[in-house]
Amino acid sequence: MRYYKTRNMVTEACKKNHITVNGQVAKASREVFPTDKITFRKDQIVHIITVLDIPENRVGAKLVDIYRNDITPAEAFAHLELLKLSKEHYRKTGTGRPTKKDRRDLDDLEFKSDIE
């Protein structure tokens, strides 16, 4: 899986200091070496990738996993699922205050997420 669609998007993320390599903010022109640890935030998930090797030529998307190890914790993806569930309980502007039932439903949702 490629994380950014275009090289320009990666350049913009570098300019905004969203990408770090070995704990240091990376510029777009920075070279990456094997054993480097790349950290970036995308879609509210902090991805952590370790570079295993550098290919000699460009490779297809299916072969990219040979050259990297994704060590993003599973809790990050679980947190994203929780955010999706919380958006379902979003109230539109102008619908008034939440009722007691709405508040209880939200409390139950938060309580269930704390247990898991």
PDB file of N, CA and C in Angstrom:
ATOM      1  N   MET A   1       0.848  -1.171   0.000  1.00  0.00           N
ATOM      2  CA  MET A   1       0.000   0.000   0.000  1.00  0.00           C
ATOM      3  C   MET A   1       0.898   1.240   0.000  1.00  0.00           C
ATOM      4  N   ARG A   2       0.642   2.120  -0.915  1.00  0.00           N
ATOM      5  CA  ARG A   2       1.364   3.383  -0.941  1.00  0.00           C
ATOM      6  C   ARG A   2       0.569   4.386  -0.117  1.00  0.00           C
ATOM      7  N   TYR A   3       1.257   5.214   0.613  1.00  0.00           N
ATOM      8  CA  TYR A   3       0.593   6.077   1.578  1.00  0.00           C
ATOM      9  C   TYR A   3       0.154   7.405   0.979  1.00  0.00           C
ATOM     10  N   TYR A   4       0.881   7.901  -0.012  1.00  0.00           N
ATOM     11  CA  TYR A   4       0.510   9.137  -0.694  1.00  0.00           C
ATOM     12  C   TYR A   4       0.333   8.837  -2.171  1.00  0.00           C
ATOM     13  N   LYS A   5      -0.619   9.507  -2.789  1.00  0.00           N
ATOM     14  CA  LYS A   5      -0.936   9.226  -4.182  1.00  0.00           C
ATOM     15  C   LYS A   5       0.121   9.779  -5.132  1.00  0.00           C
ATOM     16  N   THR A   6       0.639  10.953  -4.830  1.00  0.00           N
ATOM     17  CA  THR A   6       1.607  11.575  -5.725  1.00  0.00           C
ATOM     18  C   THR A   6       2.850  12.021  -4.959  1.00  0.00           C
ATOM     19  N   ARG A   7       3.915  12.216  -5.679  1.00  0.00           N
ATOM     20  CA  ARG A   7       5.146  12.718  -5.068  1.00  0.00           C
ATOM     21  C   ARG A   7       4.957  14.143  -4.562  1.00  0.00           C
ATOM     22  N   ASN A   8       4.105  14.904  -5.243  1.00  0.00           N
ATOM     23  CA  ASN A   8       3.838  16.279  -4.828  1.00  0.00           C
ATOM     24  C   ASN A   8       3.175  16.306  -3.448  1.00  0.00           C
ATOM     25  N   MET A   9       2.317  15.344  -3.169  1.00  0.00           N
ATOM     26  CA  MET A   9       1.670  15.282  -1.859  1.00  0.00           C
ATOM     27  C   MET A   9       2.698  14.999  -0.757  1.00  0.00           C
ATOM     28  N   VAL A  10       3.678  14.182  -1.051  1.00  0.00           N
ATOM     29  CA  VAL A  10       4.737  13.899  -0.088  1.00  0.00           C
ATOM     30  C   VAL A  10       5.577  15.147   0.139  1.00  0.00           C
ATOM     31  N   THR A  11       5.865  15.869  -0.930  1.00  0.00           N
ATOM     32  CA  THR A  11       6.639  17.107  -0.812  1.00  0.00           C
ATOM     33  C   THR A  11       5.916  18.110   0.079  1.00  0.00           C
ATOM     34  N   GLU A  12       4.612  18.241  -0.114  1.00  0.00           N
ATOM     35  CA  GLU A  12       3.833  19.159   0.716  1.00  0.00           C
ATOM     36  C   GLU A  12       3.845  18.712   2.180  1.00  0.00           C
ATOM     37  N   ALA A  13       3.747  17.416   2.422  1.00  0.00           N
ATOM     38  CA  ALA A  13       3.790  16.904   3.798  1.00  0.00           C
ATOM     39  C   ALA A  13       5.155  17.194   4.433  1.00  0.00           C
ATOM     40  N   CYS A  14       6.217  17.088   3.653  1.00  0.00           N
ATOM     41  CA  CYS A  14       7.551  17.414   4.160  1.00  0.00           C
ATOM     42  C   CYS A  14       7.663  18.898   4.490  1.00  0.00           C
ATOM     43  N   LYS A  15       7.124  19.746   3.646  1.00  0.00           N
ATOM     44  CA  LYS A  15       7.173  21.190   3.887  1.00  0.00           C
ATOM     45  C   LYS A  15       6.411  21.566   5.155  1.00  0.00           C
ATOM     46  N   LYS A  16       5.369  20.808   5.473  1.00  0.00           N
ATOM     47  CA  LYS A  16       4.562  21.073   6.672  1.00  0.00           C
ATOM     48  C   LYS A  16       5.108  20.351   7.901  1.00  0.00           C
ATOM     49  N   ASN A  17       6.287  19.738   7.776  1.00  0.00           N
ATOM     50  CA  ASN A  17       6.949  19.022   8.868  1.00  0.00           C
ATOM     51  C   ASN A  17       6.112  17.865   9.407  1.00  0.00           C
ATOM     52  N   HIS A  18       5.403  17.168   8.537  1.00  0.00           N
ATOM     53  CA  HIS A  18       4.586  16.025   8.942  1.00  0.00           C
ATOM     54  C   HIS A  18       5.351  14.711   8.870  1.00  0.00           C
ATOM     55  N   ILE A  19       6.507  14.707   8.260  1.00  0.00           N
ATOM     56  CA  ILE A  19       7.270  13.469   8.071  1.00  0.00           C
ATOM     57  C   ILE A  19       8.606  13.597   8.785  1.00  0.00           C
ATOM     58  N   THR A  20       8.933  12.568   9.574  1.00  0.00           N
ATOM     59  CA  THR A  20      10.227  12.545  10.243  1.00  0.00           C
ATOM     60  C   THR A  20      10.959  11.262   9.873  1.00  0.00           C
ATOM     61  N   VAL A  21      12.274  11.362   9.813  1.00  0.00           N
ATOM     62  CA  VAL A  21      13.130  10.209   9.562  1.00  0.00           C
ATOM     63  C   VAL A  21      14.101  10.128  10.740  1.00  0.00           C
ATOM     64  N   ASN A  22      14.037   9.034  11.460  1.00  0.00           N
ATOM     65  CA  ASN A  22      14.859   8.828  12.666  1.00  0.00           C
ATOM     66  C   ASN A  22      14.694   9.968  13.667  1.00  0.00           C
ATOM     67  N   GLY A  23      13.464  10.451  13.816  1.00  0.00           N
ATOM     68  CA  GLY A  23      13.170  11.487  14.802  1.00  0.00           C
ATOM     69  C   GLY A  23      13.464  12.908  14.361  1.00  0.00           C
ATOM     70  N   GLN A  24      14.020  13.097  13.164  1.00  0.00           N
ATOM     71  CA  GLN A  24      14.320  14.435  12.675  1.00  0.00           C
ATOM     72  C   GLN A  24      13.381  14.779  11.526  1.00  0.00           C
ATOM     73  N   VAL A  25      12.942  16.015  11.476  1.00  0.00           N
ATOM     74  CA  VAL A  25      12.052  16.458  10.406  1.00  0.00           C
ATOM     75  C   VAL A  25      12.770  16.295   9.071  1.00  0.00           C
ATOM     76  N   ALA A  26      12.064  15.709   8.102  1.00  0.00           N
ATOM     77  CA  ALA A  26      12.689  15.392   6.812  1.00  0.00           C
ATOM     78  C   ALA A  26      12.322  16.433   5.764  1.00  0.00           C
ATOM     79  N   LYS A  27      13.290  16.758   4.945  1.00  0.00           N
ATOM     80  CA  LYS A  27      13.035  17.564   3.757  1.00  0.00           C
ATOM     81  C   LYS A  27      12.703  16.621   2.615  1.00  0.00           C
ATOM     82  N   ALA A  28      12.114  17.151   1.556  1.00  0.00           N
ATOM     83  CA  ALA A  28      11.704  16.318   0.428  1.00  0.00           C
ATOM     84  C   ALA A  28      12.893  15.685  -0.278  1.00  0.00           C
ATOM     85  N   SER A  29      14.052  16.313  -0.222  1.00  0.00           N
ATOM     86  CA  SER A  29      15.221  15.800  -0.934  1.00  0.00           C
ATOM     87  C   SER A  29      16.068  14.853  -0.086  1.00  0.00           C
ATOM     88  N   ARG A  30      15.647  14.556   1.113  1.00  0.00           N
ATOM     89  CA  ARG A  30      16.451  13.712   1.995  1.00  0.00           C
ATOM     90  C   ARG A  30      16.536  12.278   1.474  1.00  0.00           C
ATOM     91  N   GLU A  31      17.742  11.731   1.498  1.00  0.00           N
ATOM     92  CA  GLU A  31      17.929  10.338   1.100  1.00  0.00           C
ATOM     93  C   GLU A  31      17.571   9.431   2.271  1.00  0.00           C
ATOM     94  N   VAL A  32      17.049   8.262   1.933  1.00  0.00           N
ATOM     95  CA  VAL A  32      16.664   7.288   2.946  1.00  0.00           C
ATOM     96  C   VAL A  32      17.569   6.077   2.792  1.00  0.00           C
ATOM     97  N   PHE A  33      18.001   5.527   3.916  1.00  0.00           N
ATOM     98  CA  PHE A  33      18.910   4.385   3.913  1.00  0.00           C
ATOM     99  C   PHE A  33      18.261   3.211   4.642  1.00  0.00           C
ATOM    100  N   PRO A  34      18.759   2.008   4.408  1.00  0.00           N
ATOM    101  CA  PRO A  34      18.225   0.863   5.157  1.00  0.00           C
ATOM    102  C   PRO A  34      18.364   1.077   6.664  1.00  0.00           C
ATOM    103  N   THR A  35      17.410   0.572   7.405  1.00  0.00           N
ATOM    104  CA  THR A  35      17.250   0.675   8.866  1.00  0.00           C
ATOM    105  C   THR A  35      16.741   2.046   9.307  1.00  0.00           C
ATOM    106  N   ASP A  36      16.450   2.970   8.393  1.00  0.00           N
ATOM    107  CA  ASP A  36      15.845   4.243   8.775  1.00  0.00           C
ATOM    108  C   ASP A  36      14.408   4.012   9.205  1.00  0.00           C
ATOM    109  N   LYS A  37      13.990   4.807  10.172  1.00  0.00           N
ATOM    110  CA  LYS A  37      12.630   4.709  10.701  1.00  0.00           C
ATOM    111  C   LYS A  37      11.870   5.970  10.281  1.00  0.00           C
ATOM    112  N   ILE A  38      10.838   5.800   9.465  1.00  0.00           N
ATOM    113  CA  ILE A  38      10.058   6.921   8.947  1.00  0.00           C
ATOM    114  C   ILE A  38       8.737   6.981   9.698  1.00  0.00           C
ATOM    115  N   THR A  39       8.395   8.161  10.192  1.00  0.00           N
ATOM    116  CA  THR A  39       7.152   8.366  10.924  1.00  0.00           C
ATOM    117  C   THR A  39       6.383   9.498  10.259  1.00  0.00           C
ATOM    118  N   PHE A  40       5.107   9.274  10.019  1.00  0.00           N
ATOM    119  CA  PHE A  40       4.258  10.323   9.453  1.00  0.00           C
ATOM    120  C   PHE A  40       2.821  10.113   9.891  1.00  0.00           C
ATOM    121  N   ARG A  41       2.062  11.195   9.861  1.00  0.00           N
ATOM    122  CA  ARG A  41       0.660  11.152  10.275  1.00  0.00           C
ATOM    123  C   ARG A  41      -0.208  11.363   9.043  1.00  0.00           C
ATOM    124  N   LYS A  42      -1.115  10.417   8.809  1.00  0.00           N
ATOM    125  CA  LYS A  42      -2.032  10.515   7.681  1.00  0.00           C
ATOM    126  C   LYS A  42      -3.354   9.895   8.088  1.00  0.00           C
ATOM    127  N   ASP A  43      -4.449  10.566   7.808  1.00  0.00           N
ATOM    128  CA  ASP A  43      -5.792  10.108   8.163  1.00  0.00           C
ATOM    129  C   ASP A  43      -5.907   9.825   9.655  1.00  0.00           C
ATOM    130  N   GLN A  44      -5.328  10.683  10.472  1.00  0.00           N
ATOM    131  CA  GLN A  44      -5.367  10.620  11.928  1.00  0.00           C
ATOM    132  C   GLN A  44      -4.715   9.358  12.485  1.00  0.00           C
ATOM    133  N   ILE A  45      -3.825   8.756  11.729  1.00  0.00           N
ATOM    134  CA  ILE A  45      -3.055   7.611  12.193  1.00  0.00           C
ATOM    135  C   ILE A  45      -1.574   7.954  12.048  1.00  0.00           C
ATOM    136  N   VAL A  46      -0.809   7.681  13.100  1.00  0.00           N
ATOM    137  CA  VAL A  46       0.634   7.874  13.033  1.00  0.00           C
ATOM    138  C   VAL A  46       1.235   6.568  12.521  1.00  0.00           C
ATOM    139  N   HIS A  47       1.715   6.585  11.290  1.00  0.00           N
ATOM    140  CA  HIS A  47       2.318   5.414  10.664  1.00  0.00           C
ATOM    141  C   HIS A  47       3.811   5.398  10.979  1.00  0.00           C
ATOM    142  N   ILE A  48       4.327   4.205  11.261  1.00  0.00           N
ATOM    143  CA  ILE A  48       5.750   4.024  11.522  1.00  0.00           C
ATOM    144  C   ILE A  48       6.249   2.934  10.577  1.00  0.00           C
ATOM    145  N   ILE A  49       7.264   3.265   9.792  1.00  0.00           N
ATOM    146  CA  ILE A  49       7.789   2.347   8.783  1.00  0.00           C
ATOM    147  C   ILE A  49       9.297   2.223   8.966  1.00  0.00           C
ATOM    148  N   THR A  50       9.797   1.011   8.860  1.00  0.00           N
ATOM    149  CA  THR A  50      11.235   0.778   8.872  1.00  0.00           C
ATOM    150  C   THR A  50      11.661   0.376   7.467  1.00  0.00           C
ATOM    151  N   VAL A  51      12.695   1.032   6.945  1.00  0.00           N
ATOM    152  CA  VAL A  51      13.197   0.727   5.606  1.00  0.00           C
ATOM    153  C   VAL A  51      14.114  -0.487   5.716  1.00  0.00           C
ATOM    154  N   LEU A  52      13.801  -1.534   4.970  1.00  0.00           N
ATOM    155  CA  LEU A  52      14.623  -2.745   4.991  1.00  0.00           C
ATOM    156  C   LEU A  52      15.737  -2.697   3.960  1.00  0.00           C
ATOM    157  N   ASP A  53      15.416  -2.203   2.776  1.00  0.00           N
ATOM    158  CA  ASP A  53      16.405  -2.139   1.696  1.00  0.00           C
ATOM    159  C   ASP A  53      15.927  -1.119   0.674  1.00  0.00           C
ATOM    160  N   ILE A  54      16.807  -0.680  -0.175  1.00  0.00           N
ATOM    161  CA  ILE A  54      16.473   0.264  -1.242  1.00  0.00           C
ATOM    162  C   ILE A  54      16.545  -0.486  -2.574  1.00  0.00           C
ATOM    163  N   PRO A  55      15.463  -0.474  -3.361  1.00  0.00           N
ATOM    164  CA  PRO A  55      15.517  -1.164  -4.658  1.00  0.00           C
ATOM    165  C   PRO A  55      16.428  -0.418  -5.631  1.00  0.00           C
ATOM    166  N   GLU A  56      17.022  -1.153  -6.545  1.00  0.00           N
ATOM    167  CA  GLU A  56      17.898  -0.531  -7.541  1.00  0.00           C
ATOM    168  C   GLU A  56      17.102   0.263  -8.558  1.00  0.00           C
ATOM    169  N   ASN A  57      15.930  -0.251  -8.951  1.00  0.00           N
ATOM    170  CA  ASN A  57      15.056   0.419  -9.908  1.00  0.00           C
ATOM    171  C   ASN A  57      13.678   0.576  -9.291  1.00  0.00           C
ATOM    172  N   ARG A  58      12.826   1.291  -9.997  1.00  0.00           N
ATOM    173  CA  ARG A  58      11.438   1.418  -9.542  1.00  0.00           C
ATOM    174  C   ARG A  58      10.771   0.059  -9.584  1.00  0.00           C
ATOM    175  N   VAL A  59       9.901  -0.186  -8.609  1.00  0.00           N
ATOM    176  CA  VAL A  59       9.198  -1.466  -8.555  1.00  0.00           C
ATOM    177  C   VAL A  59       7.703  -1.205  -8.471  1.00  0.00           C
ATOM    178  N   GLY A  60       6.924  -2.210  -8.798  1.00  0.00           N
ATOM    179  CA  GLY A  60       5.476  -2.088  -8.730  1.00  0.00           C
ATOM    180  C   GLY A  60       4.981  -2.006  -7.294  1.00  0.00           C
ATOM    181  N   ALA A  61       3.745  -1.598  -7.144  1.00  0.00           N
ATOM    182  CA  ALA A  61       3.168  -1.398  -5.818  1.00  0.00           C
ATOM    183  C   ALA A  61       3.123  -2.700  -5.016  1.00  0.00           C
ATOM    184  N   LYS A  62       2.943  -3.820  -5.687  1.00  0.00           N
ATOM    185  CA  LYS A  62       2.861  -5.096  -4.988  1.00  0.00           C
ATOM    186  C   LYS A  62       4.209  -5.531  -4.421  1.00  0.00           C
ATOM    187  N   LEU A  63       5.286  -5.050  -4.989  1.00  0.00           N
ATOM    188  CA  LEU A  63       6.618  -5.442  -4.541  1.00  0.00           C
ATOM    189  C   LEU A  63       7.219  -4.500  -3.504  1.00  0.00           C
ATOM    190  N   VAL A  64       6.542  -3.421  -3.192  1.00  0.00           N
ATOM    191  CA  VAL A  64       7.087  -2.438  -2.258  1.00  0.00           C
ATOM    192  C   VAL A  64       7.238  -3.036  -0.861  1.00  0.00           C
ATOM    193  N   ASP A  65       6.346  -3.961  -0.468  1.00  0.00           N
ATOM    194  CA  ASP A  65       6.404  -4.531   0.873  1.00  0.00           C
ATOM    195  C   ASP A  65       7.683  -5.317   1.137  1.00  0.00           C
ATOM    196  N   ILE A  66       8.390  -5.713   0.099  1.00  0.00           N
ATOM    197  CA  ILE A  66       9.657  -6.414   0.267  1.00  0.00           C
ATOM    198  C   ILE A  66      10.708  -5.480   0.883  1.00  0.00           C
ATOM    199  N   TYR A  67      10.592  -4.201   0.618  1.00  0.00           N
ATOM    200  CA  TYR A  67      11.615  -3.236   0.997  1.00  0.00           C
ATOM    201  C   TYR A  67      11.289  -2.428   2.249  1.00  0.00           C
ATOM    202  N   ARG A  68      10.157  -2.702   2.887  1.00  0.00           N
ATOM    203  CA  ARG A  68       9.809  -1.942   4.082  1.00  0.00           C
ATOM    204  C   ARG A  68       9.055  -2.823   5.064  1.00  0.00           C
ATOM    205  N   ASN A  69       9.048  -2.398   6.318  1.00  0.00           N
ATOM    206  CA  ASN A  69       8.337  -3.101   7.373  1.00  0.00           C
ATOM    207  C   ASN A  69       7.446  -2.092   8.075  1.00  0.00           C
ATOM    208  N   ASP A  70       6.152  -2.306   8.031  1.00  0.00           N
ATOM    209  CA  ASP A  70       5.196  -1.398   8.653  1.00  0.00           C
ATOM    210  C   ASP A  70       4.999  -1.829  10.100  1.00  0.00           C
ATOM    211  N   ILE A  71       5.447  -1.008  11.045  1.00  0.00           N
ATOM    212  CA  ILE A  71       5.335  -1.340  12.458  1.00  0.00           C
ATOM    213  C   ILE A  71       4.334  -0.439  13.173  1.00  0.00           C
ATOM    214  N   THR A  72       3.336   0.045  12.449  1.00  0.00           N
ATOM    215  CA  THR A  72       2.290   0.863  13.023  1.00  0.00           C
ATOM    216  C   THR A  72       1.504   0.021  14.024  1.00  0.00           C
ATOM    217  N   PRO A  73       1.309   0.511  15.258  1.00  0.00           N
ATOM    218  CA  PRO A  73       0.581  -0.293  16.238  1.00  0.00           C
ATOM    219  C   PRO A  73      -0.879  -0.502  15.837  1.00  0.00           C
ATOM    220  N   ALA A  74      -1.417  -1.644  16.205  1.00  0.00           N
ATOM    221  CA  ALA A  74      -2.810  -1.971  15.871  1.00  0.00           C
ATOM    222  C   ALA A  74      -3.787  -1.039  16.572  1.00  0.00           C
ATOM    223  N   GLU A  75      -3.393  -0.471  17.716  1.00  0.00           N
ATOM    224  CA  GLU A  75      -4.287   0.446  18.438  1.00  0.00           C
ATOM    225  C   GLU A  75      -4.606   1.681  17.605  1.00  0.00           C
ATOM    226  N   ALA A  76      -3.693   2.082  16.744  1.00  0.00           N
ATOM    227  CA  ALA A  76      -3.925   3.253  15.898  1.00  0.00           C
ATOM    228  C   ALA A  76      -5.092   3.008  14.953  1.00  0.00           C
ATOM    229  N   PHE A  77      -5.145   1.811  14.378  1.00  0.00           N
ATOM    230  CA  PHE A  77      -6.250   1.499  13.476  1.00  0.00           C
ATOM    231  C   PHE A  77      -7.553   1.317  14.246  1.00  0.00           C
ATOM    232  N   ALA A  78      -7.472   0.793  15.467  1.00  0.00           N
ATOM    233  CA  ALA A  78      -8.664   0.660  16.310  1.00  0.00           C
ATOM    234  C   ALA A  78      -9.204   2.041  16.679  1.00  0.00           C
ATOM    235  N   HIS A  79      -8.299   2.980  16.917  1.00  0.00           N
ATOM    236  CA  HIS A  79      -8.717   4.346  17.233  1.00  0.00           C
ATOM    237  C   HIS A  79      -9.451   4.973  16.043  1.00  0.00           C
ATOM    238  N   LEU A  80      -8.989   4.691  14.836  1.00  0.00           N
ATOM    239  CA  LEU A  80      -9.651   5.215  13.637  1.00  0.00           C
ATOM    240  C   LEU A  80     -11.069   4.656  13.529  1.00  0.00           C
ATOM    241  N   GLU A  81     -11.247   3.371  13.824  1.00  0.00           N
ATOM    242  CA  GLU A  81     -12.591   2.771  13.803  1.00  0.00           C
ATOM    243  C   GLU A  81     -13.485   3.433  14.832  1.00  0.00           C
ATOM    244  N   LEU A  82     -12.944   3.741  15.997  1.00  0.00           N
ATOM    245  CA  LEU A  82     -13.719   4.413  17.039  1.00  0.00           C
ATOM    246  C   LEU A  82     -14.142   5.806  16.583  1.00  0.00           C
ATOM    247  N   LEU A  83     -13.254   6.508  15.892  1.00  0.00           N
ATOM    248  CA  LEU A  83     -13.602   7.834  15.379  1.00  0.00           C
ATOM    249  C   LEU A  83     -14.733   7.747  14.360  1.00  0.00           C
ATOM    250  N   LYS A  84     -14.717   6.713  13.530  1.00  0.00           N
ATOM    251  CA  LYS A  84     -15.793   6.529  12.551  1.00  0.00           C
ATOM    252  C   LYS A  84     -17.118   6.283  13.250  1.00  0.00           C
ATOM    253  N   LEU A  85     -17.096   5.495  14.317  1.00  0.00           N
ATOM    254  CA  LEU A  85     -18.328   5.234  15.063  1.00  0.00           C
ATOM    255  C   LEU A  85     -18.845   6.497  15.739  1.00  0.00           C
ATOM    256  N   SER A  86     -17.939   7.323  16.266  1.00  0.00           N
ATOM    257  CA  SER A  86     -18.370   8.527  16.957  1.00  0.00           C
ATOM    258  C   SER A  86     -18.992   9.528  15.983  1.00  0.00           C
ATOM    259  N   LYS A  87     -18.560   9.497  14.723  1.00  0.00           N
ATOM    260  CA  LYS A  87     -19.142  10.416  13.743  1.00  0.00           C
ATOM    261  C   LYS A  87     -20.581  10.052  13.414  1.00  0.00           C
ATOM    262  N   GLU A  88     -20.959   8.809  13.627  1.00  0.00           N
ATOM    263  CA  GLU A  88     -22.340   8.405  13.370  1.00  0.00           C
ATOM    264  C   GLU A  88     -23.304   9.065  14.350  1.00  0.00           C
ATOM    265  N   HIS A  89     -22.784   9.434  15.526  1.00  0.00           N
ATOM    266  CA  HIS A  89     -23.629  10.068  16.538  1.00  0.00           C
ATOM    267  C   HIS A  89     -23.580  11.583  16.449  1.00  0.00           C
ATOM    268  N   TYR A  90     -23.037  12.101  15.387  1.00  0.00           N
ATOM    269  CA  TYR A  90     -22.933  13.547  15.202  1.00  0.00           C
ATOM    270  C   TYR A  90     -24.318  14.148  15.008  1.00  0.00           C
ATOM    271  N   ARG A  91     -24.589  15.230  15.691  1.00  0.00           N
ATOM    272  CA  ARG A  91     -25.884  15.907  15.568  1.00  0.00           C
ATOM    273  C   ARG A  91     -25.717  17.113  14.655  1.00  0.00           C
ATOM    274  N   LYS A  92     -26.640  17.263  13.756  1.00  0.00           N
ATOM    275  CA  LYS A  92     -26.578  18.389  12.831  1.00  0.00           C
ATOM    276  C   LYS A  92     -26.926  19.682  13.555  1.00  0.00           C
ATOM    277  N   THR A  93     -26.380  20.794  13.041  1.00  0.00           N
ATOM    278  CA  THR A  93     -26.629  22.098  13.622  1.00  0.00           C
ATOM    279  C   THR A  93     -28.107  22.439  13.498  1.00  0.00           C
ATOM    280  N   GLY A  94     -28.666  22.948  14.588  1.00  0.00           N
ATOM    281  CA  GLY A  94     -30.065  23.369  14.560  1.00  0.00           C
ATOM    282  C   GLY A  94     -31.042  22.298  15.002  1.00  0.00           C
ATOM    283  N   THR A  95     -30.564  21.129  15.384  1.00  0.00           N
ATOM    284  CA  THR A  95     -31.486  20.076  15.829  1.00  0.00           C
ATOM    285  C   THR A  95     -31.763  20.168  17.319  1.00  0.00           C
ATOM    286  N   GLY A  96     -31.182  21.150  17.990  1.00  0.00           N
ATOM    287  CA  GLY A  96     -31.449  21.330  19.409  1.00  0.00           C
ATOM    288  C   GLY A  96     -30.462  20.586  20.279  1.00  0.00           C
ATOM    289  N   ARG A  97     -30.741  20.646  21.563  1.00  0.00           N
ATOM    290  CA  ARG A  97     -29.860  19.985  22.521  1.00  0.00           C
ATOM    291  C   ARG A  97     -30.070  18.481  22.484  1.00  0.00           C
ATOM    292  N   PRO A  98     -29.052  17.735  22.856  1.00  0.00           N
ATOM    293  CA  PRO A  98     -29.240  16.281  22.912  1.00  0.00           C
ATOM    294  C   PRO A  98     -30.225  15.905  24.014  1.00  0.00           C
ATOM    295  N   THR A  99     -31.002  14.904  23.764  1.00  0.00           N
ATOM    296  CA  THR A  99     -31.940  14.415  24.774  1.00  0.00           C
ATOM    297  C   THR A  99     -31.184  13.532  25.761  1.00  0.00           C
ATOM    298  N   LYS A 100     -31.873  13.130  26.827  1.00  0.00           N
ATOM    299  CA  LYS A 100     -31.249  12.237  27.801  1.00  0.00           C
ATOM    300  C   LYS A 100     -30.844  10.922  27.141  1.00  0.00           C
ATOM    301  N   LYS A 101     -31.686  10.446  26.241  1.00  0.00           N
ATOM    302  CA  LYS A 101     -31.397   9.182  25.555  1.00  0.00           C
ATOM    303  C   LYS A 101     -30.148   9.336  24.695  1.00  0.00           C
ATOM    304  N   ASP A 102     -30.025  10.462  23.999  1.00  0.00           N
ATOM    305  CA  ASP A 102     -28.831  10.691  23.176  1.00  0.00           C
ATOM    306  C   ASP A 102     -27.572  10.695  24.043  1.00  0.00           C
ATOM    307  N   ARG A 103     -27.642  11.371  25.200  1.00  0.00           N
ATOM    308  CA  ARG A 103     -26.488  11.435  26.081  1.00  0.00           C
ATOM    309  C   ARG A 103     -26.135  10.057  26.618  1.00  0.00           C
ATOM    310  N   ARG A 104     -27.130   9.274  26.992  1.00  0.00           N
ATOM    311  CA  ARG A 104     -26.871   7.920  27.494  1.00  0.00           C
ATOM    312  C   ARG A 104     -26.255   7.041  26.405  1.00  0.00           C
ATOM    313  N   ASP A 105     -26.748   7.191  25.188  1.00  0.00           N
ATOM    314  CA  ASP A 105     -26.181   6.409  24.080  1.00  0.00           C
ATOM    315  C   ASP A 105     -24.705   6.760  23.867  1.00  0.00           C
ATOM    316  N   LEU A 106     -24.385   8.047  23.944  1.00  0.00           N
ATOM    317  CA  LEU A 106     -22.992   8.465  23.793  1.00  0.00           C
ATOM    318  C   LEU A 106     -22.136   7.948  24.945  1.00  0.00           C
ATOM    319  N   ASP A 107     -22.670   8.012  26.176  1.00  0.00           N
ATOM    320  CA  ASP A 107     -21.927   7.494  27.323  1.00  0.00           C
ATOM    321  C   ASP A 107     -21.683   5.997  27.184  1.00  0.00           C
ATOM    322  N   ASP A 108     -22.681   5.252  26.703  1.00  0.00           N
ATOM    323  CA  ASP A 108     -22.518   3.810  26.504  1.00  0.00           C
ATOM    324  C   ASP A 108     -21.450   3.533  25.455  1.00  0.00           C
ATOM    325  N   LEU A 109     -21.436   4.313  24.386  1.00  0.00           N
ATOM    326  CA  LEU A 109     -20.446   4.128  23.334  1.00  0.00           C
ATOM    327  C   LEU A 109     -19.039   4.369  23.874  1.00  0.00           C
ATOM    328  N   GLU A 110     -18.853   5.431  24.680  1.00  0.00           N
ATOM    329  CA  GLU A 110     -17.551   5.728  25.254  1.00  0.00           C
ATOM    330  C   GLU A 110     -17.142   4.654  26.243  1.00  0.00           C
ATOM    331  N   PHE A 111     -18.088   4.162  27.051  1.00  0.00           N
ATOM    332  CA  PHE A 111     -17.782   3.135  28.022  1.00  0.00           C
ATOM    333  C   PHE A 111     -17.355   1.834  27.350  1.00  0.00           C
ATOM    334  N   LYS A 112     -18.037   1.469  26.266  1.00  0.00           N
ATOM    335  CA  LYS A 112     -17.681   0.241  25.561  1.00  0.00           C
ATOM    336  C   LYS A 112     -16.297   0.338  24.936  1.00  0.00           C
ATOM    337  N   SER A 113     -15.935   1.519  24.440  1.00  0.00           N
ATOM    338  CA  SER A 113     -14.614   1.687  23.829  1.00  0.00           C
ATOM    339  C   SER A 113     -13.523   1.627  24.892  1.00  0.00           C
ATOM    340  N   ASP A 114     -13.809   2.066  26.126  1.00  0.00           N
ATOM    341  CA  ASP A 114     -12.805   1.998  27.203  1.00  0.00           C
ATOM    342  C   ASP A 114     -12.543   0.557  27.617  1.00  0.00           C
ATOM    343  N   ILE A 115     -13.576  -0.280  27.562  1.00  0.00           N
ATOM    344  CA  ILE A 115     -13.435  -1.680  27.943  1.00  0.00           C
ATOM    345  C   ILE A 115     -12.572  -2.425  26.954  1.00  0.00           C
ATOM    346  N   GLU A 116     -12.775  -2.187  25.684  1.00  0.00           N
ATOM    347  CA  GLU A 116     -12.037  -2.882  24.631  1.00  0.00           C
ATOM    348  C   GLU A 116     -10.645  -2.369  24.598  1.00  0.00           C
TER     349      GLU A 116
END
